[in-house]
Protein backbone atom coordinates (compact mmCIF):
# COMPACT_ATOMS: atom_id res chain seq x y z
CA UNK A 1 -0.06 0.02 0.06
CA UNK A 2 1.30 3.59 -0.86
CA UNK A 3 1.98 5.95 2.12
CA UNK A 4 -0.53 8.43 0.91
CA UNK A 5 -3.32 5.85 0.79
CA UNK A 6 -2.43 5.10 4.43
CA UNK A 7 -2.62 8.71 5.38
CA UNK A 8 -6.00 9.21 3.74
CA UNK A 9 -7.53 6.18 5.43
CA UNK A 10 -6.11 7.36 8.67
CA UNK A 11 -7.64 10.96 8.26
CA UNK A 12 -10.97 9.37 7.19
CA UNK A 13 -11.05 7.07 10.29
CA UNK A 14 -10.11 9.88 12.60
CA UNK A 15 -12.77 12.04 11.19
CA UNK A 16 -15.33 9.37 11.89
CA UNK A 17 -13.99 8.84 15.37
CA UNK A 18 -14.41 12.56 16.05
CA UNK A 19 -18.02 12.58 14.63
CA UNK A 20 -18.93 9.56 16.72
CA UNK A 21 -17.17 10.58 19.93
CA UNK A 22 -17.89 14.23 20.40
CA UNK A 23 -21.11 15.75 21.22
CA UNK A 24 -22.51 17.03 17.81
CA UNK A 25 -25.77 18.84 16.91
CA UNK A 26 -27.39 18.29 13.67
CA UNK A 27 -25.19 15.82 11.99
CA UNK A 28 -27.39 13.15 10.10
CA UNK A 29 -24.19 11.06 9.47
CA UNK A 30 -23.61 10.81 13.07
CA UNK A 31 -27.28 9.45 13.75
CA UNK A 32 -27.02 6.96 10.96
CA UNK A 33 -23.52 5.66 12.16
CA UNK A 34 -24.77 5.53 15.77
CA UNK A 35 -27.73 3.32 14.82
CA UNK A 36 -25.26 1.28 12.92
CA UNK A 37 -23.10 1.10 16.11
CA UNK A 38 -25.93 -0.20 18.22
CA UNK A 39 -26.33 -3.18 15.88
CA UNK A 40 -22.71 -3.90 14.75
CA UNK A 41 -20.44 -2.47 17.29
CA UNK A 42 -18.62 0.89 17.45
CA UNK A 43 -15.56 -0.06 15.44
CA UNK A 44 -17.68 -1.30 12.40
CA UNK A 45 -19.52 1.87 12.58
CA UNK A 46 -16.38 4.03 12.45
CA UNK A 47 -15.18 2.06 9.46
CA UNK A 48 -18.64 2.26 7.76
CA UNK A 49 -18.67 6.00 8.66
CA UNK A 50 -15.16 6.60 7.25
CA UNK A 51 -16.13 4.88 3.99
CA UNK A 52 -19.29 7.01 3.66
CA UNK A 53 -17.15 10.24 4.09
CA UNK A 54 -14.86 9.01 1.54
CA UNK A 55 -17.70 8.41 -1.13
CA UNK A 56 -19.12 11.91 -0.41
CA UNK A 57 -15.59 13.46 -0.97
CA UNK A 58 -15.08 11.40 -4.07
CA UNK A 59 -18.43 12.42 -5.42
CA UNK A 60 -17.63 15.94 -4.72
CA UNK A 61 -14.30 15.68 -6.35
CA UNK A 62 -15.78 13.93 -9.70
CA UNK A 63 -18.79 16.39 -9.82
CA UNK A 64 -16.61 19.44 -8.87
CA UNK A 65 -19.35 20.24 -6.25
CA UNK A 66 -18.12 22.90 -4.14
CA UNK A 67 -18.40 22.48 -0.28
CA UNK A 68 -21.90 24.04 0.84
CA UNK A 69 -20.90 25.17 4.37
CA UNK A 70 -24.42 25.57 5.43
CA UNK A 71 -25.29 22.23 4.48
CA UNK A 72 -22.08 20.54 5.81
CA UNK A 73 -21.93 22.56 8.86
CA UNK A 74 -22.61 20.80 12.21
CA UNK A 75 -21.83 22.27 15.67
CA UNK A 76 -19.59 20.61 18.19
CA UNK A 77 -20.95 21.22 21.50
CA UNK A 78 -18.41 22.33 24.03
CA UNK A 79 -17.95 20.14 27.14
CA UNK A 80 -18.66 22.10 30.20
């Protein structure tokens, strides 16, 4: 495996980890992955969410779709 592939895979998995482990408001991807985690476990849910993020990013790249900050935004709730 190429070094760059491992780096991208790591970044996607870390992004999935942050989405699933931080308090987040309004993230439909998180709610989808949490339902999956209840059925299949957190490790599989993180992998599935990382793959879904990769598919979304690839689709944006192929289509040339710009990032819509309003659509993609979700708020990380600060821990008190």
